[in-house]
Amino acid sequence: MVIKSVNLETVCGVTSKLPENTLPEVAFAGKSNVGKSSLINGLMNRKSYARTSAQPGKTQTINFYNINDALYFVDLPGYGYAKVSASEKAKWGKMIENYLHKSKQLAIIFLLIDIRHVPSANDCQMYEWILSNGYYPVIIATKLDKLKRSQVQKHLKVIREKLDLRGNTPIFPYSALTKQGREEIWEFIDEFVLETEEE
């Protein structure tokens, strides 16, 4: 995908009404410090368009990025950050649930997992939660450059087993540093979102 235009079109807070978009939506969920903004920036070929933050848990909105007037990237609030109050966490959960229930255009949900670590209880909960809302999340294993090449398959196996991934759920290893995995993720989006639209 050649990125010609990127536009942060809508920012939804807790009380905002979700936009009634007509283009397909690709959503990104993940823990606060998993590298979600870095991934979105990498896919959009922008250095710092999606807001990266030194403070995990800062994204408290759902952000809709219009890509080439062809699809939306939807950045969901990060979860699992310890310093956020229980009431704040509950609000974010409600926002995400509301989005999963109400979006008519949601085509794919990518769930981001740090490839270095065993998926946390929060990660497992989010995976099950997305499933229970009727979607099959696709996994992106971030921070690939932090592992030796010889360790990658072992760590991917741990993620697959810990999340108890359904069927042949794809896992895309990704590095924000080297952009390894970017092409494969875009090919997947092209195949499952954009080509379906053209049919």
N, C-alpha and C. Protein backbone atom coordinates (compact mmCIF):
# COMPACT_ATOMS: atom_id res chain seq x y z
N MET A 1 0.85 -1.20 0.00
CA MET A 1 0.00 0.00 0.00
C MET A 1 0.88 1.25 0.00
N VAL A 2 0.71 2.10 -0.99
CA VAL A 2 1.42 3.38 -1.02
C VAL A 2 0.56 4.38 -0.26
N ILE A 3 1.11 4.94 0.82
CA ILE A 3 0.33 5.86 1.65
C ILE A 3 0.38 7.25 1.03
N LYS A 4 -0.78 7.68 0.53
CA LYS A 4 -0.83 9.01 -0.10
C LYS A 4 -1.35 10.05 0.87
N SER A 5 -2.30 9.63 1.72
CA SER A 5 -2.84 10.60 2.67
C SER A 5 -3.23 9.92 3.97
N VAL A 6 -2.97 10.62 5.08
CA VAL A 6 -3.36 10.15 6.41
C VAL A 6 -4.02 11.33 7.11
N ASN A 7 -5.18 11.08 7.71
CA ASN A 7 -5.88 12.18 8.36
C ASN A 7 -6.53 11.66 9.64
N LEU A 8 -6.12 12.24 10.78
CA LEU A 8 -6.79 11.90 12.04
C LEU A 8 -8.15 12.58 11.98
N GLU A 9 -9.16 11.77 11.66
CA GLU A 9 -10.47 12.35 11.32
C GLU A 9 -11.38 12.52 12.54
N THR A 10 -11.37 11.53 13.44
CA THR A 10 -12.28 11.57 14.58
C THR A 10 -11.56 11.09 15.83
N VAL A 11 -11.79 11.80 16.94
CA VAL A 11 -11.28 11.38 18.25
C VAL A 11 -12.49 11.25 19.17
N CYS A 12 -12.71 10.04 19.68
CA CYS A 12 -13.90 9.79 20.52
C CYS A 12 -13.49 9.60 21.97
N GLY A 13 -14.05 10.38 22.84
CA GLY A 13 -13.86 10.19 24.27
C GLY A 13 -14.97 9.29 24.81
N VAL A 14 -15.04 9.21 26.13
CA VAL A 14 -15.98 8.31 26.79
C VAL A 14 -17.42 8.61 26.40
N THR A 15 -17.75 9.90 26.29
CA THR A 15 -19.16 10.26 26.03
C THR A 15 -19.43 10.54 24.56
N SER A 16 -18.40 10.46 23.72
CA SER A 16 -18.60 10.79 22.29
C SER A 16 -19.43 9.73 21.59
N LYS A 17 -20.14 10.19 20.57
CA LYS A 17 -20.87 9.26 19.71
C LYS A 17 -19.87 8.75 18.66
N LEU A 18 -19.90 7.46 18.39
CA LEU A 18 -18.98 6.90 17.39
C LEU A 18 -19.36 7.39 16.00
N PRO A 19 -18.38 7.62 15.13
CA PRO A 19 -18.70 8.07 13.77
C PRO A 19 -19.37 6.96 12.96
N GLU A 20 -20.22 7.35 12.05
CA GLU A 20 -20.86 6.35 11.17
C GLU A 20 -20.06 6.30 9.86
N ASN A 21 -18.93 5.65 9.93
CA ASN A 21 -18.04 5.59 8.77
C ASN A 21 -18.59 4.63 7.72
N THR A 22 -18.23 4.91 6.47
CA THR A 22 -18.66 4.01 5.38
C THR A 22 -17.48 3.19 4.85
N LEU A 23 -16.26 3.52 5.27
CA LEU A 23 -15.08 2.76 4.83
C LEU A 23 -14.78 1.67 5.86
N PRO A 24 -14.12 0.58 5.45
CA PRO A 24 -13.78 -0.49 6.40
C PRO A 24 -12.82 0.01 7.47
N GLU A 25 -12.93 -0.60 8.65
CA GLU A 25 -12.11 -0.20 9.79
C GLU A 25 -11.21 -1.35 10.23
N VAL A 26 -9.95 -1.01 10.50
CA VAL A 26 -8.97 -1.97 11.03
C VAL A 26 -8.59 -1.45 12.41
N ALA A 27 -8.90 -2.21 13.46
CA ALA A 27 -8.67 -1.73 14.83
C ALA A 27 -7.43 -2.36 15.44
N PHE A 28 -6.82 -1.61 16.36
CA PHE A 28 -5.60 -2.05 17.04
C PHE A 28 -5.82 -1.98 18.55
N ALA A 29 -5.66 -3.13 19.22
CA ALA A 29 -5.80 -3.20 20.67
C ALA A 29 -4.51 -3.72 21.26
N GLY A 30 -4.21 -3.33 22.49
CA GLY A 30 -2.99 -3.84 23.11
C GLY A 30 -2.71 -3.12 24.41
N LYS A 31 -1.80 -3.71 25.19
CA LYS A 31 -1.42 -3.10 26.46
C LYS A 31 -0.79 -1.73 26.24
N SER A 32 -0.82 -0.92 27.28
CA SER A 32 -0.38 0.48 27.17
C SER A 32 1.04 0.64 26.62
N ASN A 33 1.95 -0.27 26.95
CA ASN A 33 3.34 -0.06 26.56
C ASN A 33 3.81 -1.07 25.52
N VAL A 34 2.88 -1.57 24.71
CA VAL A 34 3.23 -2.65 23.78
C VAL A 34 3.75 -2.12 22.43
N GLY A 35 3.67 -0.79 22.23
CA GLY A 35 4.18 -0.22 20.98
C GLY A 35 3.10 -0.02 19.93
N LYS A 36 1.88 0.26 20.38
CA LYS A 36 0.75 0.39 19.44
C LYS A 36 0.90 1.62 18.53
N SER A 37 1.24 2.77 19.16
CA SER A 37 1.40 3.99 18.35
C SER A 37 2.55 3.84 17.37
N SER A 38 3.64 3.20 17.83
CA SER A 38 4.81 3.00 16.94
C SER A 38 4.43 2.12 15.75
N LEU A 39 3.62 1.09 16.00
CA LEU A 39 3.17 0.22 14.91
C LEU A 39 2.31 1.00 13.92
N ILE A 40 1.35 1.75 14.45
CA ILE A 40 0.44 2.50 13.57
C ILE A 40 1.23 3.52 12.75
N ASN A 41 2.16 4.23 13.40
CA ASN A 41 3.01 5.17 12.66
C ASN A 41 3.81 4.45 11.57
N GLY A 42 4.34 3.26 11.92
CA GLY A 42 5.13 2.49 10.94
C GLY A 42 4.29 2.07 9.75
N LEU A 43 3.07 1.61 10.01
CA LEU A 43 2.19 1.19 8.91
C LEU A 43 1.77 2.38 8.05
N MET A 44 1.62 3.55 8.70
CA MET A 44 1.18 4.74 7.96
C MET A 44 2.35 5.48 7.32
N ASN A 45 3.59 4.98 7.56
CA ASN A 45 4.80 5.66 7.05
C ASN A 45 4.91 7.08 7.59
N ARG A 46 4.53 7.27 8.81
CA ARG A 46 4.64 8.58 9.44
C ARG A 46 5.50 8.44 10.69
N LYS A 47 6.33 9.44 10.95
CA LYS A 47 7.23 9.30 12.11
C LYS A 47 6.48 9.37 13.43
N SER A 48 5.62 10.37 13.58
CA SER A 48 4.98 10.51 14.90
C SER A 48 3.56 11.06 14.76
N TYR A 49 2.82 10.49 13.81
CA TYR A 49 1.45 10.97 13.60
C TYR A 49 0.53 10.44 14.70
N ALA A 50 0.58 9.11 14.92
CA ALA A 50 -0.16 8.56 16.07
C ALA A 50 0.63 8.97 17.30
N ARG A 51 -0.12 9.38 18.32
CA ARG A 51 0.58 9.95 19.48
C ARG A 51 1.25 8.87 20.31
N THR A 52 2.58 8.89 20.29
CA THR A 52 3.30 8.00 21.20
C THR A 52 3.51 8.78 22.49
N SER A 53 3.55 8.08 23.59
CA SER A 53 3.65 8.77 24.86
C SER A 53 4.68 8.10 25.75
N ALA A 54 5.43 8.93 26.47
CA ALA A 54 6.37 8.38 27.45
C ALA A 54 5.60 7.82 28.65
N GLN A 55 4.37 8.28 28.79
CA GLN A 55 3.53 7.79 29.89
C GLN A 55 2.54 6.76 29.36
N PRO A 56 2.76 5.48 29.66
CA PRO A 56 1.78 4.49 29.21
C PRO A 56 0.41 4.82 29.79
N GLY A 57 -0.64 4.44 29.07
CA GLY A 57 -1.99 4.70 29.58
C GLY A 57 -2.50 6.08 29.22
N LYS A 58 -1.76 6.79 28.36
CA LYS A 58 -2.13 8.17 28.04
C LYS A 58 -3.27 8.23 27.02
N THR A 59 -3.31 7.27 26.11
CA THR A 59 -4.37 7.30 25.10
C THR A 59 -5.70 6.92 25.76
N GLN A 60 -6.57 7.89 25.94
CA GLN A 60 -7.85 7.62 26.59
C GLN A 60 -8.99 7.86 25.62
N THR A 61 -8.66 7.83 24.36
CA THR A 61 -9.68 8.07 23.33
C THR A 61 -9.57 6.98 22.28
N ILE A 62 -10.62 6.89 21.45
CA ILE A 62 -10.54 6.03 20.26
C ILE A 62 -10.27 6.96 19.09
N ASN A 63 -9.15 6.74 18.41
CA ASN A 63 -8.73 7.63 17.33
C ASN A 63 -8.91 6.96 15.97
N PHE A 64 -9.59 7.65 15.07
CA PHE A 64 -9.87 7.13 13.72
C PHE A 64 -8.99 7.85 12.70
N TYR A 65 -8.08 7.10 12.08
CA TYR A 65 -7.19 7.66 11.05
C TYR A 65 -7.68 7.23 9.67
N ASN A 66 -7.99 8.20 8.83
CA ASN A 66 -8.40 7.90 7.45
C ASN A 66 -7.15 7.72 6.60
N ILE A 67 -7.01 6.53 6.02
CA ILE A 67 -5.84 6.22 5.19
C ILE A 67 -6.26 6.20 3.72
N ASN A 68 -5.72 7.13 2.94
CA ASN A 68 -5.95 7.16 1.48
C ASN A 68 -7.44 7.20 1.08
N ASP A 69 -8.31 7.61 2.01
CA ASP A 69 -9.76 7.54 1.74
C ASP A 69 -10.18 6.13 1.33
N ALA A 70 -9.44 5.12 1.84
CA ALA A 70 -9.73 3.72 1.49
C ALA A 70 -10.17 2.92 2.71
N LEU A 71 -9.61 3.26 3.88
CA LEU A 71 -9.95 2.54 5.10
C LEU A 71 -9.57 3.39 6.30
N TYR A 72 -10.01 2.95 7.47
CA TYR A 72 -9.64 3.62 8.72
C TYR A 72 -8.78 2.69 9.57
N PHE A 73 -7.75 3.28 10.19
CA PHE A 73 -7.08 2.63 11.32
C PHE A 73 -7.75 3.16 12.58
N VAL A 74 -8.12 2.26 13.46
CA VAL A 74 -8.80 2.67 14.70
C VAL A 74 -7.90 2.29 15.88
N ASP A 75 -7.39 3.31 16.56
CA ASP A 75 -6.48 3.11 17.69
C ASP A 75 -7.32 3.08 18.97
N LEU A 76 -7.41 1.90 19.59
CA LEU A 76 -8.22 1.73 20.81
C LEU A 76 -7.36 2.04 22.03
N PRO A 77 -7.98 2.48 23.14
CA PRO A 77 -7.19 2.81 24.35
C PRO A 77 -6.39 1.61 24.83
N GLY A 78 -5.16 1.86 25.27
CA GLY A 78 -4.32 0.80 25.83
C GLY A 78 -4.90 0.31 27.16
N TYR A 79 -4.67 -0.94 27.47
CA TYR A 79 -5.21 -1.50 28.72
C TYR A 79 -4.09 -1.99 29.62
N GLY A 80 -4.45 -2.28 30.88
CA GLY A 80 -3.52 -2.97 31.77
C GLY A 80 -2.45 -2.11 32.41
N TYR A 81 -2.65 -0.78 32.40
CA TYR A 81 -1.64 0.07 33.03
C TYR A 81 -1.96 0.25 34.51
N ALA A 82 -1.01 -0.13 35.35
CA ALA A 82 -1.28 -0.26 36.79
C ALA A 82 -1.64 1.06 37.47
N LYS A 83 -1.08 2.18 37.00
CA LYS A 83 -1.28 3.44 37.73
C LYS A 83 -2.62 4.10 37.42
N VAL A 84 -3.42 3.47 36.61
CA VAL A 84 -4.72 4.06 36.27
C VAL A 84 -5.76 3.50 37.23
N SER A 85 -6.66 4.37 37.67
CA SER A 85 -7.66 3.93 38.66
C SER A 85 -8.63 2.91 38.06
N ALA A 86 -9.24 2.13 38.93
CA ALA A 86 -10.19 1.09 38.48
C ALA A 86 -11.34 1.72 37.71
N SER A 87 -11.78 2.91 38.13
CA SER A 87 -12.92 3.55 37.45
C SER A 87 -12.52 3.98 36.03
N GLU A 88 -11.26 4.46 35.89
CA GLU A 88 -10.78 4.83 34.55
C GLU A 88 -10.73 3.59 33.65
N LYS A 89 -10.16 2.49 34.21
CA LYS A 89 -10.08 1.25 33.44
C LYS A 89 -11.45 0.80 32.99
N ALA A 90 -12.42 0.91 33.89
CA ALA A 90 -13.79 0.49 33.56
C ALA A 90 -14.34 1.34 32.41
N LYS A 91 -14.03 2.65 32.44
CA LYS A 91 -14.51 3.55 31.37
C LYS A 91 -13.93 3.13 30.01
N TRP A 92 -12.60 2.84 30.01
CA TRP A 92 -11.96 2.46 28.74
C TRP A 92 -12.56 1.15 28.23
N GLY A 93 -12.78 0.22 29.18
CA GLY A 93 -13.40 -1.05 28.80
C GLY A 93 -14.74 -0.83 28.14
N LYS A 94 -15.52 0.07 28.73
CA LYS A 94 -16.85 0.39 28.16
C LYS A 94 -16.71 0.98 26.76
N MET A 95 -15.71 1.87 26.59
CA MET A 95 -15.50 2.49 25.27
C MET A 95 -15.20 1.44 24.22
N ILE A 96 -14.28 0.51 24.58
CA ILE A 96 -13.89 -0.51 23.62
C ILE A 96 -15.07 -1.43 23.31
N GLU A 97 -15.79 -1.81 24.37
CA GLU A 97 -16.94 -2.71 24.18
C GLU A 97 -18.00 -2.05 23.30
N ASN A 98 -18.25 -0.77 23.59
CA ASN A 98 -19.21 0.00 22.81
C ASN A 98 -18.82 0.00 21.33
N TYR A 99 -17.51 0.21 21.10
CA TYR A 99 -17.02 0.21 19.71
C TYR A 99 -17.22 -1.16 19.05
N LEU A 100 -16.85 -2.22 19.75
CA LEU A 100 -16.99 -3.57 19.17
C LEU A 100 -18.45 -3.90 18.85
N HIS A 101 -19.34 -3.43 19.71
CA HIS A 101 -20.78 -3.71 19.50
C HIS A 101 -21.36 -2.89 18.36
N LYS A 102 -20.89 -1.63 18.25
CA LYS A 102 -21.62 -0.68 17.39
C LYS A 102 -21.00 -0.43 16.03
N SER A 103 -19.70 -0.72 15.88
CA SER A 103 -19.11 -0.44 14.57
C SER A 103 -19.70 -1.38 13.52
N LYS A 104 -20.17 -0.77 12.44
CA LYS A 104 -20.73 -1.59 11.33
C LYS A 104 -19.64 -1.92 10.31
N GLN A 105 -18.49 -1.27 10.44
CA GLN A 105 -17.45 -1.40 9.40
C GLN A 105 -16.21 -2.15 9.86
N LEU A 106 -16.21 -2.63 11.11
CA LEU A 106 -14.99 -3.26 11.63
C LEU A 106 -14.69 -4.55 10.86
N ALA A 107 -13.49 -4.57 10.24
CA ALA A 107 -13.12 -5.71 9.39
C ALA A 107 -12.11 -6.62 10.08
N ILE A 108 -11.14 -6.03 10.78
CA ILE A 108 -10.08 -6.81 11.45
C ILE A 108 -9.76 -6.13 12.78
N ILE A 109 -9.50 -6.95 13.81
CA ILE A 109 -8.89 -6.42 15.03
C ILE A 109 -7.52 -7.06 15.18
N PHE A 110 -6.51 -6.22 15.25
CA PHE A 110 -5.17 -6.69 15.56
C PHE A 110 -4.97 -6.55 17.07
N LEU A 111 -4.55 -7.63 17.71
CA LEU A 111 -4.21 -7.59 19.13
C LEU A 111 -2.69 -7.66 19.24
N LEU A 112 -2.10 -6.65 19.87
CA LEU A 112 -0.64 -6.56 19.96
C LEU A 112 -0.15 -7.20 21.26
N ILE A 113 0.85 -8.06 21.13
CA ILE A 113 1.47 -8.73 22.27
C ILE A 113 2.97 -8.53 22.19
N ASP A 114 3.60 -8.19 23.30
CA ASP A 114 5.07 -8.04 23.34
C ASP A 114 5.70 -9.44 23.18
N ILE A 115 6.45 -9.63 22.11
CA ILE A 115 6.99 -10.96 21.78
C ILE A 115 7.95 -11.50 22.87
N ARG A 116 8.50 -10.60 23.68
CA ARG A 116 9.51 -11.03 24.67
C ARG A 116 8.90 -11.73 25.87
N HIS A 117 7.61 -11.46 26.12
CA HIS A 117 7.00 -11.94 27.37
C HIS A 117 5.84 -12.90 27.12
N VAL A 118 5.60 -13.74 28.09
CA VAL A 118 4.40 -14.58 28.06
C VAL A 118 3.20 -13.65 28.13
N PRO A 119 2.16 -13.83 27.30
CA PRO A 119 0.98 -12.95 27.38
C PRO A 119 0.45 -12.87 28.82
N SER A 120 0.11 -11.65 29.23
CA SER A 120 -0.36 -11.42 30.60
C SER A 120 -1.82 -11.84 30.74
N ALA A 121 -2.29 -11.83 31.98
CA ALA A 121 -3.72 -12.12 32.23
C ALA A 121 -4.59 -11.12 31.47
N ASN A 122 -4.14 -9.85 31.42
CA ASN A 122 -4.89 -8.83 30.67
C ASN A 122 -4.96 -9.15 29.18
N ASP A 123 -3.82 -9.63 28.64
CA ASP A 123 -3.79 -9.99 27.21
C ASP A 123 -4.78 -11.13 26.93
N CYS A 124 -4.74 -12.15 27.79
CA CYS A 124 -5.62 -13.32 27.60
C CYS A 124 -7.08 -12.91 27.70
N GLN A 125 -7.34 -12.02 28.68
CA GLN A 125 -8.72 -11.54 28.88
C GLN A 125 -9.20 -10.77 27.65
N MET A 126 -8.32 -9.91 27.12
CA MET A 126 -8.70 -9.12 25.94
C MET A 126 -8.95 -10.03 24.74
N TYR A 127 -8.11 -11.06 24.57
CA TYR A 127 -8.30 -12.00 23.46
C TYR A 127 -9.66 -12.68 23.56
N GLU A 128 -9.97 -13.18 24.75
CA GLU A 128 -11.26 -13.86 24.96
C GLU A 128 -12.43 -12.90 24.79
N TRP A 129 -12.22 -11.68 25.24
CA TRP A 129 -13.28 -10.67 25.18
C TRP A 129 -13.61 -10.31 23.73
N ILE A 130 -12.56 -10.16 22.92
CA ILE A 130 -12.78 -9.85 21.50
C ILE A 130 -13.51 -11.02 20.84
N LEU A 131 -13.08 -12.26 21.17
CA LEU A 131 -13.77 -13.44 20.64
C LEU A 131 -15.26 -13.43 21.02
N SER A 132 -15.52 -13.10 22.29
CA SER A 132 -16.91 -13.15 22.78
C SER A 132 -17.77 -12.08 22.12
N ASN A 133 -17.12 -11.06 21.54
CA ASN A 133 -17.86 -10.03 20.81
C ASN A 133 -18.01 -10.38 19.32
N GLY A 134 -17.57 -11.60 18.97
CA GLY A 134 -17.83 -12.08 17.61
C GLY A 134 -16.72 -11.85 16.60
N TYR A 135 -15.54 -11.45 17.07
CA TYR A 135 -14.42 -11.21 16.16
C TYR A 135 -13.27 -12.16 16.47
N TYR A 136 -12.48 -12.48 15.45
CA TYR A 136 -11.29 -13.30 15.64
C TYR A 136 -10.07 -12.40 15.53
N PRO A 137 -9.46 -12.04 16.68
CA PRO A 137 -8.32 -11.12 16.57
C PRO A 137 -7.11 -11.77 15.91
N VAL A 138 -6.39 -10.95 15.16
CA VAL A 138 -5.13 -11.36 14.52
C VAL A 138 -4.01 -10.81 15.41
N ILE A 139 -2.98 -11.60 15.68
CA ILE A 139 -1.95 -11.20 16.63
C ILE A 139 -0.77 -10.53 15.93
N ILE A 140 -0.33 -9.40 16.47
CA ILE A 140 0.94 -8.80 16.05
C ILE A 140 1.89 -8.87 17.25
N ALA A 141 2.99 -9.57 17.07
CA ALA A 141 3.99 -9.74 18.15
C ALA A 141 5.03 -8.64 17.99
N THR A 142 4.95 -7.62 18.85
CA THR A 142 5.79 -6.42 18.71
C THR A 142 7.17 -6.62 19.36
N LYS A 143 8.05 -5.63 19.10
CA LYS A 143 9.40 -5.58 19.71
C LYS A 143 10.27 -6.75 19.26
N LEU A 144 10.09 -7.13 18.00
CA LEU A 144 10.83 -8.25 17.42
C LEU A 144 12.34 -8.05 17.49
N ASP A 145 12.79 -6.79 17.34
CA ASP A 145 14.24 -6.52 17.31
C ASP A 145 14.91 -6.77 18.67
N LYS A 146 14.11 -6.94 19.72
CA LYS A 146 14.69 -7.19 21.05
C LYS A 146 15.06 -8.66 21.26
N LEU A 147 14.69 -9.52 20.31
CA LEU A 147 15.01 -10.95 20.44
C LEU A 147 16.07 -11.35 19.43
N LYS A 148 16.85 -12.38 19.77
CA LYS A 148 17.74 -12.99 18.76
C LYS A 148 16.85 -13.77 17.79
N ARG A 149 17.30 -13.85 16.57
CA ARG A 149 16.52 -14.55 15.54
C ARG A 149 16.19 -15.99 15.95
N SER A 150 17.15 -16.62 16.62
CA SER A 150 16.97 -18.03 17.01
C SER A 150 15.88 -18.22 18.07
N GLN A 151 15.49 -17.12 18.74
CA GLN A 151 14.49 -17.23 19.81
C GLN A 151 13.06 -17.00 19.32
N VAL A 152 12.94 -16.46 18.12
CA VAL A 152 11.62 -15.97 17.67
C VAL A 152 10.56 -17.06 17.66
N GLN A 153 10.85 -18.19 17.01
CA GLN A 153 9.83 -19.24 16.88
C GLN A 153 9.37 -19.77 18.24
N LYS A 154 10.32 -19.88 19.17
CA LYS A 154 9.99 -20.36 20.51
C LYS A 154 9.00 -19.40 21.20
N HIS A 155 9.27 -18.10 21.06
CA HIS A 155 8.42 -17.09 21.70
C HIS A 155 7.04 -17.03 21.04
N LEU A 156 7.00 -17.20 19.73
CA LEU A 156 5.70 -17.21 19.03
C LEU A 156 4.86 -18.40 19.49
N LYS A 157 5.53 -19.53 19.71
CA LYS A 157 4.85 -20.74 20.18
C LYS A 157 4.24 -20.50 21.57
N VAL A 158 4.99 -19.81 22.43
CA VAL A 158 4.50 -19.49 23.78
C VAL A 158 3.24 -18.62 23.69
N ILE A 159 3.27 -17.62 22.80
CA ILE A 159 2.10 -16.74 22.63
C ILE A 159 0.91 -17.56 22.16
N ARG A 160 1.14 -18.39 21.13
CA ARG A 160 0.05 -19.20 20.58
C ARG A 160 -0.58 -20.10 21.65
N GLU A 161 0.29 -20.72 22.47
CA GLU A 161 -0.21 -21.65 23.49
C GLU A 161 -0.88 -20.93 24.65
N LYS A 162 -0.28 -19.83 25.11
CA LYS A 162 -0.82 -19.12 26.27
C LYS A 162 -2.19 -18.49 25.95
N LEU A 163 -2.32 -17.93 24.75
CA LEU A 163 -3.60 -17.33 24.37
C LEU A 163 -4.61 -18.40 23.94
N ASP A 164 -4.09 -19.62 23.72
CA ASP A 164 -4.93 -20.71 23.20
C ASP A 164 -5.61 -20.26 21.91
N LEU A 165 -4.76 -19.82 20.96
CA LEU A 165 -5.27 -19.23 19.71
C LEU A 165 -6.14 -20.20 18.95
N ARG A 166 -7.24 -19.70 18.46
CA ARG A 166 -8.19 -20.52 17.70
C ARG A 166 -7.65 -20.83 16.31
N GLY A 167 -7.80 -22.06 15.92
CA GLY A 167 -7.50 -22.47 14.54
C GLY A 167 -6.14 -22.00 14.08
N ASN A 168 -6.12 -21.47 12.87
CA ASN A 168 -4.82 -21.02 12.33
C ASN A 168 -4.73 -19.49 12.36
N THR A 169 -5.04 -18.91 13.52
CA THR A 169 -4.91 -17.45 13.70
C THR A 169 -3.51 -17.01 13.31
N PRO A 170 -3.39 -16.02 12.41
CA PRO A 170 -2.05 -15.56 12.02
C PRO A 170 -1.38 -14.79 13.17
N ILE A 171 -0.05 -14.92 13.26
CA ILE A 171 0.75 -14.06 14.14
C ILE A 171 1.80 -13.38 13.25
N PHE A 172 1.84 -12.05 13.32
CA PHE A 172 2.83 -11.30 12.56
C PHE A 172 3.88 -10.71 13.50
N PRO A 173 5.12 -11.21 13.48
CA PRO A 173 6.17 -10.56 14.27
C PRO A 173 6.48 -9.20 13.64
N TYR A 174 6.70 -8.18 14.49
CA TYR A 174 6.89 -6.82 13.96
C TYR A 174 7.94 -6.07 14.78
N SER A 175 8.78 -5.32 14.10
CA SER A 175 9.74 -4.44 14.76
C SER A 175 9.51 -3.00 14.32
N ALA A 176 9.27 -2.12 15.29
CA ALA A 176 9.10 -0.70 14.96
C ALA A 176 10.43 -0.09 14.52
N LEU A 177 11.52 -0.72 14.98
CA LEU A 177 12.85 -0.20 14.67
C LEU A 177 13.23 -0.48 13.22
N THR A 178 13.08 -1.75 12.80
CA THR A 178 13.53 -2.14 11.45
C THR A 178 12.38 -2.18 10.45
N LYS A 179 11.16 -2.07 10.95
CA LYS A 179 9.91 -2.19 10.13
C LYS A 179 9.72 -3.61 9.58
N GLN A 180 10.46 -4.58 10.12
CA GLN A 180 10.25 -5.97 9.71
C GLN A 180 8.83 -6.38 10.08
N GLY A 181 8.13 -6.98 9.12
CA GLY A 181 6.74 -7.39 9.36
C GLY A 181 5.73 -6.43 8.75
N ARG A 182 6.20 -5.22 8.43
CA ARG A 182 5.27 -4.20 7.88
C ARG A 182 4.59 -4.67 6.60
N GLU A 183 5.40 -5.19 5.67
CA GLU A 183 4.85 -5.61 4.37
C GLU A 183 3.83 -6.73 4.55
N GLU A 184 4.16 -7.69 5.44
CA GLU A 184 3.25 -8.84 5.65
C GLU A 184 1.91 -8.38 6.23
N ILE A 185 1.98 -7.41 7.14
CA ILE A 185 0.73 -6.91 7.75
C ILE A 185 -0.11 -6.20 6.69
N TRP A 186 0.56 -5.38 5.86
CA TRP A 186 -0.18 -4.68 4.81
C TRP A 186 -0.77 -5.66 3.78
N GLU A 187 -0.01 -6.70 3.45
CA GLU A 187 -0.54 -7.71 2.50
C GLU A 187 -1.81 -8.34 3.06
N PHE A 188 -1.80 -8.62 4.37
CA PHE A 188 -2.96 -9.21 5.03
C PHE A 188 -4.15 -8.24 4.97
N ILE A 189 -3.89 -6.97 5.27
CA ILE A 189 -4.97 -5.96 5.21
C ILE A 189 -5.49 -5.84 3.78
N ASP A 190 -4.57 -5.79 2.82
CA ASP A 190 -4.98 -5.71 1.40
C ASP A 190 -5.89 -6.87 1.04
N GLU A 191 -5.48 -8.06 1.43
CA GLU A 191 -6.22 -9.26 1.03
C GLU A 191 -7.59 -9.34 1.71
N PHE A 192 -7.63 -9.06 3.01
CA PHE A 192 -8.86 -9.30 3.76
C PHE A 192 -9.78 -8.09 3.85
N VAL A 193 -9.25 -6.90 3.58
CA VAL A 193 -10.10 -5.71 3.70
C VAL A 193 -10.31 -5.06 2.34
N LEU A 194 -9.21 -4.68 1.70
CA LEU A 194 -9.36 -3.86 0.50
C LEU A 194 -9.83 -4.67 -0.70
N GLU A 195 -9.33 -5.88 -0.88
CA GLU A 195 -9.77 -6.67 -2.04
C GLU A 195 -11.23 -7.09 -1.89
N THR A 196 -11.63 -7.35 -0.63
CA THR A 196 -13.04 -7.73 -0.39
C THR A 196 -13.94 -6.57 -0.77
N GLU A 197 -13.46 -5.34 -0.47
CA GLU A 197 -14.25 -4.14 -0.79
C GLU A 197 -14.44 -3.99 -2.30
N GLU A 198 -13.39 -4.38 -3.05
CA GLU A 198 -13.43 -4.17 -4.49
C GLU A 198 -14.32 -5.19 -5.21
N GLU A 199 -14.58 -6.32 -4.55
CA GLU A 199 -15.35 -7.37 -5.23
C GLU A 199 -16.78 -6.94 -5.50
